Every structure is written in structure tokens, then in C-alpha cells.
Amino acid sequence: MKCVWFFGMLSLAASTKSPVEEFVENNNDLSINLFYELIKIRQDNFVYGIFCLDAIIALTCLGSRGDTATEIKKAFDWNVSDTDLTSAFETAIDDLKNVKNLNIHLANKIYLNHNIKVDQKFLKVAEAFDTSVENINFDAAEESVQKINSWVSDQTARKIGGIAHEKHFTALTNMVLINTLYFRGRWNHPFESNETKKWISTYLRMKPSKWI
């Protein structure tokens, strides 16, 4: 009897997880799996933001239908409805905005070719992601590059620029999705720069690099 009751409680707990809890668990798993894939091809230091990837892919998923949406959810293990997926990201983004003593600015942008119209329902979803949608003429590649790079620069306190190039745009380009994350904070326990040293990780087989 105790065993039956115990497993019943486990089942109940799993079924009552909030969309945010489901998102956090899946996001953690994805982050770890992606890390192990990245170290197979990267031999230097790198930083990646899994939430940035999640946000832009989630927008793509919520703007998709049929097999495309199904395959994206399967790949990211998002076993939730579109409504719950939107709610989870909206909550997570709001939480990031309210982090104290840190400057975290997350921004998303969707550029659509000038002849494409946006469904009004999707615009409401985009608002939940703090995402703006703008139509531009990709045929005018130079102008498009300037507009996109200017927006990225504005969102990252002029720290990032030049991510778009004319070679990225062809006659087949209809949409560009961009995610930016600007972070600025102070160490709780500041380190002395003269105490950094060269260090080689035999576990990750990385090249010699500065280690803090």
C-alpha cells in the first residue's frame, strides 16, 4: 500500500508542475547537453546564453504550425501548450528585468521582408517576449545591414555591432530573428587582476588561457 501511495504522489507532483517549472528543468537539461556538444568543436574559452537561444527558437515555434512546430517542441522537449510556453517565457523575462544590483537587458527583434504581413495574433505573442516586429526591404541589402546593426548596437550599449553583412541576404531572405543580451554587474568579491594566471584544463583540453 505504501508503494502504491508513494508512486501516486510522484505522479501527482509531475502533473502539477507549472509551465515555468517545466521550462526551467528542460532549459537546464538543454544547457548541459549543448555544453557537451560545444566542447567537441571549441578548443578556446567561450560564453553562451541558452536562454537567448530558447527565446528566439520559441518565437519561431509559436509562429509555426503543423510539423514544423511539432518538431521544434520535440527537439527542445517543450511538452506544453502554446499558451503555457508563452506564459513561461513572459514570466522568465519579467524575472530578469527585476534582478537587483545587475543591469540585464534582453531584447528580441524580428525583421520581415517588406511584402510580408504579420498575423495580429502573433504580434500579441511577440509582445510577451518583448519583441518588436518591423518590415524592411531585404533587396536593399546595404540599407538592411545598417538598420539591423544600428539596432543591435543600441540594445547592447554600443558593445556589439557589425553582426549583419550584405552576404547574409539573398533573394530567398524573408525573415531575420535577432536576440541580444546585455549584462553588466559587479563581483560580490572583486579579484585582483594581477592574480590571474595561465591555466590549462586537461579535462576540457582547452588551449592556454587566462583563468580568473
C-alpha atoms as a PDB file:
ATOM      1  CA  MET A   1       0.000   0.000   0.000  1.00  0.00           C
ATOM      2  CA  LYS A   2       2.813   2.391   0.823  1.00  0.00           C
ATOM      3  CA  CYS A   3       4.454   1.789  -2.538  1.00  0.00           C
ATOM      4  CA  VAL A   4       1.225   2.479  -4.425  1.00  0.00           C
ATOM      5  CA  TRP A   5       0.672   5.694  -2.465  1.00  0.00           C
ATOM      6  CA  PHE A   6       4.277   6.804  -2.975  1.00  0.00           C
ATOM      7  CA  PHE A   7       4.159   6.456  -6.753  1.00  0.00           C
ATOM      8  CA  GLY A   8       0.768   8.107  -6.800  1.00  0.00           C
ATOM      9  CA  MET A   9       2.254  11.143  -5.091  1.00  0.00           C
ATOM     10  CA  LEU A  10       5.098  11.245  -7.626  1.00  0.00           C
ATOM     11  CA  SER A  11       2.611  11.174 -10.460  1.00  0.00           C
ATOM     12  CA  LEU A  12       0.589  13.958  -8.896  1.00  0.00           C
ATOM     13  CA  ALA A  13       3.671  16.110  -8.405  1.00  0.00           C
ATOM     14  CA  ALA A  14       4.722  15.675 -12.016  1.00  0.00           C
ATOM     15  CA  SER A  15       1.292  16.603 -13.330  1.00  0.00           C
ATOM     16  CA  THR A  16       1.028  19.757 -11.258  1.00  0.00           C
ATOM     17  CA  LYS A  17       4.291  21.381 -12.301  1.00  0.00           C
ATOM     18  CA  SER A  18       3.816  24.908 -13.521  1.00  0.00           C
ATOM     19  CA  PRO A  19       4.846  25.849 -17.085  1.00  0.00           C
ATOM     20  CA  VAL A  20       7.726  27.851 -15.632  1.00  0.00           C
ATOM     21  CA  GLU A  21       8.978  24.842 -13.623  1.00  0.00           C
ATOM     22  CA  GLU A  22       8.780  22.647 -16.721  1.00  0.00           C
ATOM     23  CA  PHE A  23      10.640  25.292 -18.709  1.00  0.00           C
ATOM     24  CA  VAL A  24      13.408  25.645 -16.093  1.00  0.00           C
ATOM     25  CA  GLU A  25      14.017  21.889 -15.905  1.00  0.00           C
ATOM     26  CA  ASN A  26      14.109  21.461 -19.669  1.00  0.00           C
ATOM     27  CA  ASN A  27      16.244  24.565 -20.055  1.00  0.00           C
ATOM     28  CA  ASN A  28      18.815  23.207 -17.579  1.00  0.00           C
ATOM     29  CA  ASP A  29      18.982  19.879 -19.420  1.00  0.00           C
ATOM     30  CA  LEU A  30      19.360  21.618 -22.765  1.00  0.00           C
ATOM     31  CA  SER A  31      22.097  23.872 -21.405  1.00  0.00           C
ATOM     32  CA  ILE A  32      24.153  20.902 -20.203  1.00  0.00           C
ATOM     33  CA  ASN A  33      23.641  18.917 -23.411  1.00  0.00           C
ATOM     34  CA  LEU A  34      24.595  21.886 -25.559  1.00  0.00           C
ATOM     35  CA  PHE A  35      27.711  22.493 -23.474  1.00  0.00           C
ATOM     36  CA  TYR A  36      28.967  18.962 -24.102  1.00  0.00           C
ATOM     37  CA  GLU A  37      28.345  19.400 -27.827  1.00  0.00           C
ATOM     38  CA  LEU A  38      30.151  22.748 -27.927  1.00  0.00           C
ATOM     39  CA  ILE A  39      33.319  21.495 -26.244  1.00  0.00           C
ATOM     40  CA  LYS A  40      33.629  18.931 -29.019  1.00  0.00           C
ATOM     41  CA  ILE A  41      34.212  21.692 -31.540  1.00  0.00           C
ATOM     42  CA  ARG A  42      35.518  24.581 -29.429  1.00  0.00           C
ATOM     43  CA  GLN A  43      39.030  24.489 -28.051  1.00  0.00           C
ATOM     44  CA  ASP A  44      39.055  28.010 -26.648  1.00  0.00           C
ATOM     45  CA  ASN A  45      37.162  29.937 -24.000  1.00  0.00           C
ATOM     46  CA  PHE A  46      33.560  30.721 -24.823  1.00  0.00           C
ATOM     47  CA  VAL A  47      30.382  32.002 -23.236  1.00  0.00           C
ATOM     48  CA  TYR A  48      26.917  31.106 -24.426  1.00  0.00           C
ATOM     49  CA  GLY A  49      23.465  32.086 -23.272  1.00  0.00           C
ATOM     50  CA  ILE A  50      20.994  29.237 -23.513  1.00  0.00           C
ATOM     51  CA  PHE A  51      18.070  31.483 -22.647  1.00  0.00           C
ATOM     52  CA  CYS A  52      18.796  33.643 -25.686  1.00  0.00           C
ATOM     53  CA  LEU A  53      18.650  30.575 -27.910  1.00  0.00           C
ATOM     54  CA  ASP A  54      15.465  29.394 -26.221  1.00  0.00           C
ATOM     55  CA  ALA A  55      13.700  32.718 -26.619  1.00  0.00           C
ATOM     56  CA  ILE A  56      14.322  33.120 -30.322  1.00  0.00           C
ATOM     57  CA  ILE A  57      13.510  29.471 -31.086  1.00  0.00           C
ATOM     58  CA  ALA A  58      10.328  29.689 -29.003  1.00  0.00           C
ATOM     59  CA  LEU A  59       9.212  32.668 -31.069  1.00  0.00           C
ATOM     60  CA  THR A  60       9.882  30.672 -34.212  1.00  0.00           C
ATOM     61  CA  CYS A  61       7.901  27.759 -32.809  1.00  0.00           C
ATOM     62  CA  LEU A  62       4.930  29.913 -31.798  1.00  0.00           C
ATOM     63  CA  GLY A  63       4.850  31.435 -35.263  1.00  0.00           C
ATOM     64  CA  SER A  64       4.872  27.994 -36.874  1.00  0.00           C
ATOM     65  CA  ARG A  65       2.213  25.364 -37.428  1.00  0.00           C
ATOM     66  CA  GLY A  66       1.973  21.673 -38.234  1.00  0.00           C
ATOM     67  CA  ASP A  67       5.101  19.540 -38.489  1.00  0.00           C
ATOM     68  CA  THR A  68       7.452  22.498 -38.040  1.00  0.00           C
ATOM     69  CA  ALA A  69       6.017  23.440 -34.655  1.00  0.00           C
ATOM     70  CA  THR A  70       5.836  19.791 -33.592  1.00  0.00           C
ATOM     71  CA  GLU A  71       9.476  19.119 -34.475  1.00  0.00           C
ATOM     72  CA  ILE A  72      10.730  22.244 -32.660  1.00  0.00           C
ATOM     73  CA  LYS A  73       8.858  21.315 -29.480  1.00  0.00           C
ATOM     74  CA  LYS A  74      10.167  17.771 -29.709  1.00  0.00           C
ATOM     75  CA  ALA A  75      13.776  18.911 -30.170  1.00  0.00           C
ATOM     76  CA  PHE A  76      13.597  21.246 -27.157  1.00  0.00           C
ATOM     77  CA  ASP A  77      11.412  18.928 -25.081  1.00  0.00           C
ATOM     78  CA  TRP A  78       8.689  21.536 -24.640  1.00  0.00           C
ATOM     79  CA  ASN A  79       5.748  19.370 -23.625  1.00  0.00           C
ATOM     80  CA  VAL A  80       3.418  22.320 -23.050  1.00  0.00           C
ATOM     81  CA  SER A  81       0.737  24.196 -24.944  1.00  0.00           C
ATOM     82  CA  ASP A  82       1.491  27.360 -26.895  1.00  0.00           C
ATOM     83  CA  THR A  83      -0.259  29.365 -24.192  1.00  0.00           C
ATOM     84  CA  ASP A  84       1.846  27.832 -21.412  1.00  0.00           C
ATOM     85  CA  LEU A  85       5.044  28.223 -23.438  1.00  0.00           C
ATOM     86  CA  THR A  86       4.305  31.917 -23.924  1.00  0.00           C
ATOM     87  CA  SER A  87       3.468  32.325 -20.236  1.00  0.00           C
ATOM     88  CA  ALA A  88       6.692  30.621 -19.152  1.00  0.00           C
ATOM     89  CA  PHE A  89       8.879  32.928 -21.216  1.00  0.00           C
ATOM     90  CA  GLU A  90       6.915  36.023 -20.243  1.00  0.00           C
ATOM     91  CA  THR A  91       7.455  35.168 -16.564  1.00  0.00           C
ATOM     92  CA  ALA A  92      11.153  34.434 -17.084  1.00  0.00           C
ATOM     93  CA  ILE A  93      11.713  37.699 -18.956  1.00  0.00           C
ATOM     94  CA  ASP A  94       9.913  39.675 -16.238  1.00  0.00           C
ATOM     95  CA  ASP A  95      12.106  37.991 -13.607  1.00  0.00           C
ATOM     96  CA  LEU A  96      15.239  39.040 -15.496  1.00  0.00           C
ATOM     97  CA  LYS A  97      14.048  42.627 -15.542  1.00  0.00           C
ATOM     98  CA  ASN A  98      13.652  42.618 -11.760  1.00  0.00           C
ATOM     99  CA  VAL A  99      17.076  41.228 -10.821  1.00  0.00           C
ATOM    100  CA  LYS A 100      18.599  43.635  -8.305  1.00  0.00           C
ATOM    101  CA  ASN A 101      22.078  45.155  -8.497  1.00  0.00           C
ATOM    102  CA  LEU A 102      22.543  43.996 -12.085  1.00  0.00           C
ATOM    103  CA  ASN A 103      21.952  45.575 -15.454  1.00  0.00           C
ATOM    104  CA  ILE A 104      20.398  42.904 -17.651  1.00  0.00           C
ATOM    105  CA  HIS A 105      18.783  43.963 -20.895  1.00  0.00           C
ATOM    106  CA  LEU A 106      17.236  41.301 -23.113  1.00  0.00           C
ATOM    107  CA  ALA A 107      15.814  42.354 -26.471  1.00  0.00           C
ATOM    108  CA  ASN A 108      14.399  40.484 -29.443  1.00  0.00           C
ATOM    109  CA  LYS A 109      13.656  41.754 -32.914  1.00  0.00           C
ATOM    110  CA  ILE A 110      12.000  40.230 -35.962  1.00  0.00           C
ATOM    111  CA  TYR A 111      12.693  41.777 -39.335  1.00  0.00           C
ATOM    112  CA  LEU A 112      10.324  40.709 -42.103  1.00  0.00           C
ATOM    113  CA  ASN A 113      10.595  41.370 -45.789  1.00  0.00           C
ATOM    114  CA  HIS A 114       8.572  44.372 -46.892  1.00  0.00           C
ATOM    115  CA  ASN A 115       5.898  42.293 -48.666  1.00  0.00           C
ATOM    116  CA  ILE A 116       5.066  40.006 -45.713  1.00  0.00           C
ATOM    117  CA  LYS A 117       2.134  40.709 -43.426  1.00  0.00           C
ATOM    118  CA  VAL A 118       2.114  39.658 -39.773  1.00  0.00           C
ATOM    119  CA  ASP A 119      -0.808  37.861 -38.156  1.00  0.00           C
ATOM    120  CA  GLN A 120      -2.230  40.007 -35.364  1.00  0.00           C
ATOM    121  CA  LYS A 121      -2.336  37.010 -33.011  1.00  0.00           C
ATOM    122  CA  PHE A 122       1.412  36.554 -33.397  1.00  0.00           C
ATOM    123  CA  LEU A 123       2.011  40.228 -32.601  1.00  0.00           C
ATOM    124  CA  LYS A 124       0.414  39.631 -29.189  1.00  0.00           C
ATOM    125  CA  VAL A 125       2.744  36.674 -28.625  1.00  0.00           C
ATOM    126  CA  ALA A 126       5.707  38.811 -29.660  1.00  0.00           C
ATOM    127  CA  GLU A 127       4.748  41.415 -27.048  1.00  0.00           C
ATOM    128  CA  ALA A 128       5.023  38.750 -24.331  1.00  0.00           C
ATOM    129  CA  PHE A 129       8.625  38.206 -25.454  1.00  0.00           C
ATOM    130  CA  ASP A 130       9.372  41.943 -25.509  1.00  0.00           C
ATOM    131  CA  THR A 131       9.829  41.544 -29.243  1.00  0.00           C
ATOM    132  CA  SER A 132       9.215  44.171 -31.873  1.00  0.00           C
ATOM    133  CA  VAL A 133       8.413  43.334 -35.481  1.00  0.00           C
ATOM    134  CA  GLU A 134       9.455  45.507 -38.404  1.00  0.00           C
ATOM    135  CA  ASN A 135       9.156  45.227 -42.165  1.00  0.00           C
ATOM    136  CA  ILE A 136      12.229  46.163 -44.203  1.00  0.00           C
ATOM    137  CA  ASN A 137      13.300  45.667 -47.798  1.00  0.00           C
ATOM    138  CA  PHE A 138      15.903  42.899 -47.850  1.00  0.00           C
ATOM    139  CA  ASP A 139      16.501  43.588 -51.547  1.00  0.00           C
ATOM    140  CA  ALA A 140      18.215  46.767 -50.381  1.00  0.00           C
ATOM    141  CA  ALA A 141      20.896  44.769 -48.586  1.00  0.00           C
ATOM    142  CA  GLU A 142      23.148  47.677 -47.610  1.00  0.00           C
ATOM    143  CA  GLU A 143      20.293  49.603 -46.022  1.00  0.00           C
ATOM    144  CA  SER A 144      19.068  46.470 -44.211  1.00  0.00           C
ATOM    145  CA  VAL A 145      22.536  45.812 -42.800  1.00  0.00           C
ATOM    146  CA  GLN A 146      22.815  49.340 -41.466  1.00  0.00           C
ATOM    147  CA  LYS A 147      19.385  49.203 -39.851  1.00  0.00           C
ATOM    148  CA  ILE A 148      19.970  45.849 -38.166  1.00  0.00           C
ATOM    149  CA  ASN A 149      23.461  46.671 -36.910  1.00  0.00           C
ATOM    150  CA  SER A 150      22.285  50.016 -35.586  1.00  0.00           C
ATOM    151  CA  TRP A 151      19.503  48.330 -33.600  1.00  0.00           C
ATOM    152  CA  VAL A 152      21.887  45.736 -32.133  1.00  0.00           C
ATOM    153  CA  SER A 153      24.347  48.459 -31.160  1.00  0.00           C
ATOM    154  CA  ASP A 154      21.595  50.451 -29.418  1.00  0.00           C
ATOM    155  CA  GLN A 155      20.459  47.408 -27.425  1.00  0.00           C
ATOM    156  CA  THR A 156      23.956  46.479 -26.230  1.00  0.00           C
ATOM    157  CA  ALA A 157      25.252  49.892 -25.131  1.00  0.00           C
ATOM    158  CA  ARG A 158      27.410  50.069 -28.277  1.00  0.00           C
ATOM    159  CA  LYS A 159      29.290  46.916 -27.235  1.00  0.00           C
ATOM    160  CA  ILE A 160      28.179  44.795 -30.191  1.00  0.00           C
ATOM    161  CA  GLY A 161      27.965  45.863 -33.786  1.00  0.00           C
ATOM    162  CA  GLY A 162      28.567  44.610 -37.282  1.00  0.00           C
ATOM    163  CA  ILE A 163      26.830  41.256 -36.867  1.00  0.00           C
ATOM    164  CA  ALA A 164      24.916  41.602 -40.135  1.00  0.00           C
ATOM    165  CA  HIS A 165      26.620  41.669 -43.529  1.00  0.00           C
ATOM    166  CA  GLU A 166      25.313  42.046 -47.043  1.00  0.00           C
ATOM    167  CA  LYS A 167      26.297  38.458 -47.857  1.00  0.00           C
ATOM    168  CA  HIS A 168      23.683  37.283 -45.353  1.00  0.00           C
ATOM    169  CA  PHE A 169      20.831  38.493 -47.557  1.00  0.00           C
ATOM    170  CA  THR A 170      19.697  36.800 -50.742  1.00  0.00           C
ATOM    171  CA  ALA A 171      16.560  36.748 -52.881  1.00  0.00           C
ATOM    172  CA  LEU A 172      15.266  33.999 -50.556  1.00  0.00           C
ATOM    173  CA  THR A 173      15.582  36.033 -47.336  1.00  0.00           C
ATOM    174  CA  ASN A 174      12.161  36.732 -45.861  1.00  0.00           C
ATOM    175  CA  MET A 175      12.821  36.944 -42.130  1.00  0.00           C
ATOM    176  CA  VAL A 176      15.653  37.675 -39.717  1.00  0.00           C
ATOM    177  CA  LEU A 177      15.312  36.960 -35.999  1.00  0.00           C
ATOM    178  CA  ILE A 178      17.727  38.659 -33.630  1.00  0.00           C
ATOM    179  CA  ASN A 179      18.283  38.259 -29.915  1.00  0.00           C
ATOM    180  CA  THR A 180      20.547  40.444 -27.802  1.00  0.00           C
ATOM    181  CA  LEU A 181      21.539  40.222 -24.163  1.00  0.00           C
ATOM    182  CA  TYR A 182      23.427  42.989 -22.400  1.00  0.00           C
ATOM    183  CA  PHE A 183      24.798  42.224 -18.934  1.00  0.00           C
ATOM    184  CA  ARG A 184      26.697  44.463 -16.566  1.00  0.00           C
ATOM    185  CA  GLY A 185      27.324  43.706 -12.915  1.00  0.00           C
ATOM    186  CA  ARG A 186      29.886  43.822 -10.152  1.00  0.00           C
ATOM    187  CA  TRP A 187      31.621  40.909  -8.485  1.00  0.00           C
ATOM    188  CA  ASN A 188      30.485  40.223  -4.935  1.00  0.00           C
ATOM    189  CA  HIS A 189      34.137  39.651  -4.147  1.00  0.00           C
ATOM    190  CA  PRO A 190      36.289  41.608  -6.650  1.00  0.00           C
ATOM    191  CA  PHE A 191      39.501  39.885  -7.745  1.00  0.00           C
ATOM    192  CA  GLU A 192      42.923  41.383  -8.290  1.00  0.00           C
ATOM    193  CA  SER A 193      43.811  41.392 -11.969  1.00  0.00           C
ATOM    194  CA  ASN A 194      47.462  40.682 -11.174  1.00  0.00           C
ATOM    195  CA  GLU A 195      46.439  37.405  -9.552  1.00  0.00           C
ATOM    196  CA  THR A 196      45.154  35.855 -12.775  1.00  0.00           C
ATOM    197  CA  LYS A 197      47.326  33.178 -14.295  1.00  0.00           C
ATOM    198  CA  LYS A 198      47.714  30.895 -17.281  1.00  0.00           C
ATOM    199  CA  TRP A 199      45.912  27.636 -16.791  1.00  0.00           C
ATOM    200  CA  ILE A 200      45.353  24.594 -18.964  1.00  0.00           C
ATOM    201  CA  SER A 201      42.343  22.386 -18.401  1.00  0.00           C
ATOM    202  CA  THR A 202      43.226  18.784 -19.210  1.00  0.00           C
ATOM    203  CA  TYR A 203      39.570  17.856 -18.758  1.00  0.00           C
ATOM    204  CA  LEU A 204      38.296  20.196 -21.452  1.00  0.00           C
ATOM    205  CA  ARG A 205      41.533  20.024 -23.459  1.00  0.00           C
ATOM    206  CA  MET A 206      41.470  23.792 -23.877  1.00  0.00           C
ATOM    207  CA  LYS A 207      44.279  25.968 -25.158  1.00  0.00           C
ATOM    208  CA  PRO A 208      46.220  28.000 -22.583  1.00  0.00           C
ATOM    209  CA  SER A 209      44.027  30.868 -21.473  1.00  0.00           C
ATOM    210  CA  LYS A 210      43.529  33.353 -18.712  1.00  0.00           C
ATOM    211  CA  TRP A 211      41.713  31.896 -15.751  1.00  0.00           C
ATOM    212  CA  ILE A 212      40.065  34.007 -13.093  1.00  0.00           C
END
